[in-house]
Amino acid sequence: RRSSRVAVRRPRSPHIKATTSAINSIALKCSLEVYVVPREDLIILKIAWAKDSRSKIQERAVRNLLATDHDEDDVEHWLRELDLHDFAERWLA
């Protein structure tokens, strides 16, 4: 059997390095390796991608994720740390 992998482009940032231990790898019976990222990290990554790409799809994903249960303080802390807070402010109101 061939092993498949799903790759996620991650921006280089202190937040990613600080939360690397929070990323879990799950091996499924079908030999597909899946990485699970905490919701807060995904929100921050999507905001960074939305800023870089100005993609409406990423912006919609950010709005949907922010509507879910997450640690708002943690997200806001890292958005300030990564200089993304001003860009993300429209979704944080």
N, C-alpha and C. Protein backbone atom coordinates (compact mmCIF):
# COMPACT_ATOMS: atom_id res chain seq x y z
N ARG A 1 0.82 -1.20 0.00
CA ARG A 1 0.00 0.00 0.00
C ARG A 1 0.85 1.25 0.00
N ARG A 2 0.33 2.25 -0.64
CA ARG A 2 1.02 3.54 -0.68
C ARG A 2 0.54 4.43 0.45
N SER A 3 1.44 5.13 1.06
CA SER A 3 1.08 6.04 2.14
C SER A 3 0.78 7.43 1.56
N SER A 4 -0.33 8.02 1.99
CA SER A 4 -0.69 9.36 1.55
C SER A 4 -0.47 10.34 2.69
N ARG A 5 -0.14 11.57 2.35
CA ARG A 5 0.05 12.61 3.36
C ARG A 5 -0.70 13.86 2.94
N VAL A 6 -1.20 14.55 3.91
CA VAL A 6 -1.85 15.83 3.66
C VAL A 6 -0.94 16.90 4.22
N ALA A 7 -0.53 17.83 3.39
CA ALA A 7 0.39 18.88 3.84
C ALA A 7 -0.38 20.18 4.02
N VAL A 8 -0.05 20.89 5.07
CA VAL A 8 -0.65 22.20 5.34
C VAL A 8 0.48 23.22 5.36
N ARG A 9 0.35 24.26 4.53
CA ARG A 9 1.36 25.31 4.51
C ARG A 9 1.22 26.13 5.79
N ARG A 10 2.29 26.24 6.54
CA ARG A 10 2.26 27.00 7.78
C ARG A 10 3.19 28.19 7.65
N PRO A 11 2.69 29.40 7.95
CA PRO A 11 3.60 30.55 7.94
C PRO A 11 4.63 30.39 9.06
N ARG A 12 5.82 30.88 8.81
CA ARG A 12 6.84 30.85 9.86
C ARG A 12 6.51 31.94 10.87
N SER A 13 6.36 31.55 12.11
CA SER A 13 6.04 32.54 13.13
C SER A 13 6.39 31.99 14.50
N PRO A 14 6.60 32.88 15.48
CA PRO A 14 6.88 32.42 16.83
C PRO A 14 5.70 31.64 17.40
N HIS A 15 4.48 31.99 16.97
CA HIS A 15 3.31 31.28 17.49
C HIS A 15 3.35 29.82 17.09
N ILE A 16 3.69 29.55 15.83
CA ILE A 16 3.75 28.16 15.38
C ILE A 16 4.82 27.40 16.15
N LYS A 17 5.97 28.02 16.35
CA LYS A 17 7.03 27.35 17.11
C LYS A 17 6.60 27.12 18.55
N ALA A 18 5.86 28.07 19.12
CA ALA A 18 5.44 27.95 20.51
C ALA A 18 4.37 26.88 20.68
N THR A 19 3.62 26.59 19.62
CA THR A 19 2.53 25.63 19.75
C THR A 19 2.78 24.32 19.02
N THR A 20 3.98 24.10 18.57
CA THR A 20 4.29 22.87 17.84
C THR A 20 3.91 21.64 18.65
N SER A 21 4.07 21.70 19.96
CA SER A 21 3.74 20.54 20.78
C SER A 21 2.24 20.29 20.81
N ALA A 22 1.43 21.28 20.42
CA ALA A 22 -0.02 21.11 20.42
C ALA A 22 -0.53 20.43 19.16
N ILE A 23 0.34 20.28 18.16
CA ILE A 23 -0.06 19.63 16.92
C ILE A 23 0.10 18.13 17.10
N ASN A 24 -0.97 17.41 16.88
CA ASN A 24 -0.97 15.97 17.08
C ASN A 24 -1.06 15.25 15.75
N SER A 25 -0.37 14.15 15.66
CA SER A 25 -0.42 13.33 14.47
C SER A 25 -1.27 12.09 14.77
N ILE A 26 -2.15 11.76 13.84
CA ILE A 26 -3.01 10.61 14.03
C ILE A 26 -2.80 9.67 12.84
N ALA A 27 -2.47 8.43 13.10
CA ALA A 27 -2.32 7.44 12.03
C ALA A 27 -3.63 6.68 11.90
N LEU A 28 -4.22 6.69 10.74
CA LEU A 28 -5.47 5.99 10.50
C LEU A 28 -5.19 4.64 9.85
N LYS A 29 -6.16 3.75 9.90
CA LYS A 29 -5.99 2.42 9.33
C LYS A 29 -5.69 2.47 7.83
N CYS A 30 -6.12 3.51 7.16
CA CYS A 30 -5.91 3.59 5.72
C CYS A 30 -4.53 4.15 5.38
N SER A 31 -3.65 4.26 6.33
CA SER A 31 -2.28 4.75 6.15
C SER A 31 -2.22 6.24 5.81
N LEU A 32 -3.28 6.94 6.06
CA LEU A 32 -3.30 8.38 5.86
C LEU A 32 -2.89 9.04 7.16
N GLU A 33 -1.91 9.91 7.08
CA GLU A 33 -1.45 10.61 8.27
C GLU A 33 -2.14 11.96 8.35
N VAL A 34 -2.79 12.23 9.47
CA VAL A 34 -3.58 13.45 9.64
C VAL A 34 -3.01 14.23 10.81
N TYR A 35 -2.86 15.54 10.63
CA TYR A 35 -2.39 16.40 11.71
C TYR A 35 -3.55 17.23 12.22
N VAL A 36 -3.72 17.22 13.53
CA VAL A 36 -4.80 17.95 14.15
C VAL A 36 -4.21 19.17 14.84
N VAL A 37 -4.75 20.33 14.50
CA VAL A 37 -4.25 21.60 15.03
C VAL A 37 -5.33 22.19 15.92
N PRO A 38 -4.95 22.76 17.07
CA PRO A 38 -5.96 23.41 17.92
C PRO A 38 -6.70 24.51 17.15
N ARG A 39 -7.98 24.66 17.45
CA ARG A 39 -8.83 25.63 16.76
C ARG A 39 -8.23 27.03 16.78
N GLU A 40 -7.66 27.44 17.90
CA GLU A 40 -7.07 28.78 18.00
C GLU A 40 -5.94 28.96 16.99
N ASP A 41 -5.12 27.95 16.82
CA ASP A 41 -4.03 28.02 15.84
C ASP A 41 -4.59 28.12 14.42
N LEU A 42 -5.65 27.37 14.16
CA LEU A 42 -6.25 27.41 12.83
C LEU A 42 -6.83 28.80 12.54
N ILE A 43 -7.45 29.41 13.52
CA ILE A 43 -7.98 30.76 13.35
C ILE A 43 -6.85 31.72 12.99
N ILE A 44 -5.75 31.65 13.72
CA ILE A 44 -4.61 32.54 13.49
C ILE A 44 -4.01 32.29 12.10
N LEU A 45 -3.86 31.02 11.74
CA LEU A 45 -3.32 30.68 10.42
C LEU A 45 -4.22 31.20 9.30
N LYS A 46 -5.53 31.01 9.47
CA LYS A 46 -6.47 31.47 8.44
C LYS A 46 -6.42 32.99 8.29
N ILE A 47 -6.28 33.70 9.41
CA ILE A 47 -6.17 35.16 9.35
C ILE A 47 -4.90 35.56 8.62
N ALA A 48 -3.80 34.89 8.91
CA ALA A 48 -2.53 35.18 8.22
C ALA A 48 -2.67 34.91 6.72
N TRP A 49 -3.31 33.79 6.37
CA TRP A 49 -3.51 33.46 4.96
C TRP A 49 -4.42 34.47 4.29
N ALA A 50 -5.48 34.89 5.00
CA ALA A 50 -6.41 35.88 4.44
C ALA A 50 -5.70 37.20 4.18
N LYS A 51 -4.80 37.57 5.08
CA LYS A 51 -4.06 38.82 4.90
C LYS A 51 -3.15 38.72 3.67
N ASP A 52 -2.46 37.60 3.53
CA ASP A 52 -1.54 37.41 2.40
C ASP A 52 -2.27 37.29 1.06
N SER A 53 -3.40 36.59 1.06
CA SER A 53 -4.07 36.27 -0.19
C SER A 53 -5.26 37.17 -0.52
N ARG A 54 -5.82 37.81 0.50
CA ARG A 54 -7.07 38.59 0.34
C ARG A 54 -8.19 37.70 -0.23
N SER A 55 -8.12 36.43 0.09
CA SER A 55 -9.08 35.45 -0.40
C SER A 55 -10.40 35.53 0.36
N LYS A 56 -11.49 35.61 -0.38
CA LYS A 56 -12.83 35.62 0.23
C LYS A 56 -13.13 34.29 0.91
N ILE A 57 -12.57 33.22 0.38
CA ILE A 57 -12.76 31.90 0.99
C ILE A 57 -12.12 31.87 2.37
N GLN A 58 -10.89 32.39 2.49
CA GLN A 58 -10.22 32.42 3.79
C GLN A 58 -10.99 33.33 4.76
N GLU A 59 -11.47 34.46 4.26
CA GLU A 59 -12.22 35.38 5.12
C GLU A 59 -13.50 34.72 5.64
N ARG A 60 -14.18 33.97 4.79
CA ARG A 60 -15.38 33.24 5.22
C ARG A 60 -15.01 32.19 6.27
N ALA A 61 -13.90 31.51 6.05
CA ALA A 61 -13.45 30.49 7.00
C ALA A 61 -13.14 31.13 8.36
N VAL A 62 -12.52 32.31 8.35
CA VAL A 62 -12.22 33.01 9.60
C VAL A 62 -13.52 33.33 10.34
N ARG A 63 -14.49 33.89 9.64
CA ARG A 63 -15.78 34.23 10.27
C ARG A 63 -16.44 32.99 10.87
N ASN A 64 -16.42 31.89 10.13
CA ASN A 64 -17.03 30.65 10.62
C ASN A 64 -16.30 30.11 11.84
N LEU A 65 -14.98 30.14 11.82
CA LEU A 65 -14.21 29.63 12.96
C LEU A 65 -14.39 30.51 14.20
N LEU A 66 -14.45 31.81 14.01
CA LEU A 66 -14.63 32.71 15.14
C LEU A 66 -16.01 32.55 15.78
N ALA A 67 -16.95 32.00 15.05
CA ALA A 67 -18.29 31.77 15.59
C ALA A 67 -18.35 30.51 16.45
N THR A 68 -17.26 29.75 16.49
CA THR A 68 -17.21 28.52 17.29
C THR A 68 -16.58 28.81 18.65
N ASP A 69 -16.65 27.84 19.52
CA ASP A 69 -16.05 27.97 20.85
C ASP A 69 -14.53 27.95 20.73
N HIS A 70 -13.87 29.01 21.23
CA HIS A 70 -12.41 29.09 21.20
C HIS A 70 -11.92 30.02 22.30
N ASP A 71 -10.65 29.98 22.58
CA ASP A 71 -10.04 30.83 23.60
C ASP A 71 -9.74 32.20 22.98
N GLU A 72 -10.65 33.14 23.17
CA GLU A 72 -10.52 34.47 22.56
C GLU A 72 -9.26 35.20 23.03
N ASP A 73 -8.92 35.05 24.30
CA ASP A 73 -7.73 35.73 24.83
C ASP A 73 -6.46 35.23 24.14
N ASP A 74 -6.39 33.93 23.94
CA ASP A 74 -5.21 33.35 23.28
C ASP A 74 -5.11 33.84 21.84
N VAL A 75 -6.22 33.84 21.13
CA VAL A 75 -6.22 34.30 19.73
C VAL A 75 -5.80 35.77 19.66
N GLU A 76 -6.41 36.59 20.50
CA GLU A 76 -6.07 38.02 20.47
C GLU A 76 -4.61 38.27 20.84
N HIS A 77 -4.10 37.52 21.82
CA HIS A 77 -2.70 37.65 22.22
C HIS A 77 -1.78 37.41 21.02
N TRP A 78 -2.01 36.29 20.31
CA TRP A 78 -1.12 35.94 19.21
C TRP A 78 -1.32 36.83 18.00
N LEU A 79 -2.54 37.32 17.80
CA LEU A 79 -2.75 38.26 16.70
C LEU A 79 -1.95 39.55 16.95
N ARG A 80 -1.89 40.00 18.19
CA ARG A 80 -1.08 41.18 18.52
C ARG A 80 0.42 40.85 18.37
N GLU A 81 0.81 39.71 18.86
CA GLU A 81 2.21 39.27 18.81
C GLU A 81 2.70 39.19 17.36
N LEU A 82 1.83 38.75 16.46
CA LEU A 82 2.20 38.54 15.05
C LEU A 82 1.83 39.73 14.18
N ASP A 83 1.42 40.82 14.80
CA ASP A 83 1.05 42.04 14.08
C ASP A 83 -0.07 41.79 13.07
N LEU A 84 -1.05 41.01 13.49
CA LEU A 84 -2.21 40.70 12.65
C LEU A 84 -3.50 41.29 13.23
N HIS A 85 -3.42 41.84 14.43
CA HIS A 85 -4.63 42.28 15.13
C HIS A 85 -5.38 43.36 14.36
N ASP A 86 -4.68 44.36 13.84
CA ASP A 86 -5.36 45.44 13.11
C ASP A 86 -6.10 44.89 11.89
N PHE A 87 -5.45 43.97 11.17
CA PHE A 87 -6.09 43.36 10.01
C PHE A 87 -7.33 42.57 10.43
N ALA A 88 -7.24 41.84 11.55
CA ALA A 88 -8.31 40.95 11.99
C ALA A 88 -9.42 41.66 12.77
N GLU A 89 -9.21 42.91 13.08
CA GLU A 89 -10.15 43.63 13.94
C GLU A 89 -11.59 43.61 13.42
N ARG A 90 -11.75 43.61 12.12
CA ARG A 90 -13.11 43.59 11.54
C ARG A 90 -13.89 42.34 11.94
N TRP A 91 -13.20 41.23 12.21
CA TRP A 91 -13.87 40.01 12.61
C TRP A 91 -13.99 39.87 14.12
N LEU A 92 -13.20 40.62 14.86
CA LEU A 92 -13.16 40.47 16.31
C LEU A 92 -14.19 41.30 17.05
N ALA A 93 -14.82 42.23 16.37
CA ALA A 93 -15.78 43.15 17.02
C ALA A 93 -17.00 42.41 17.54
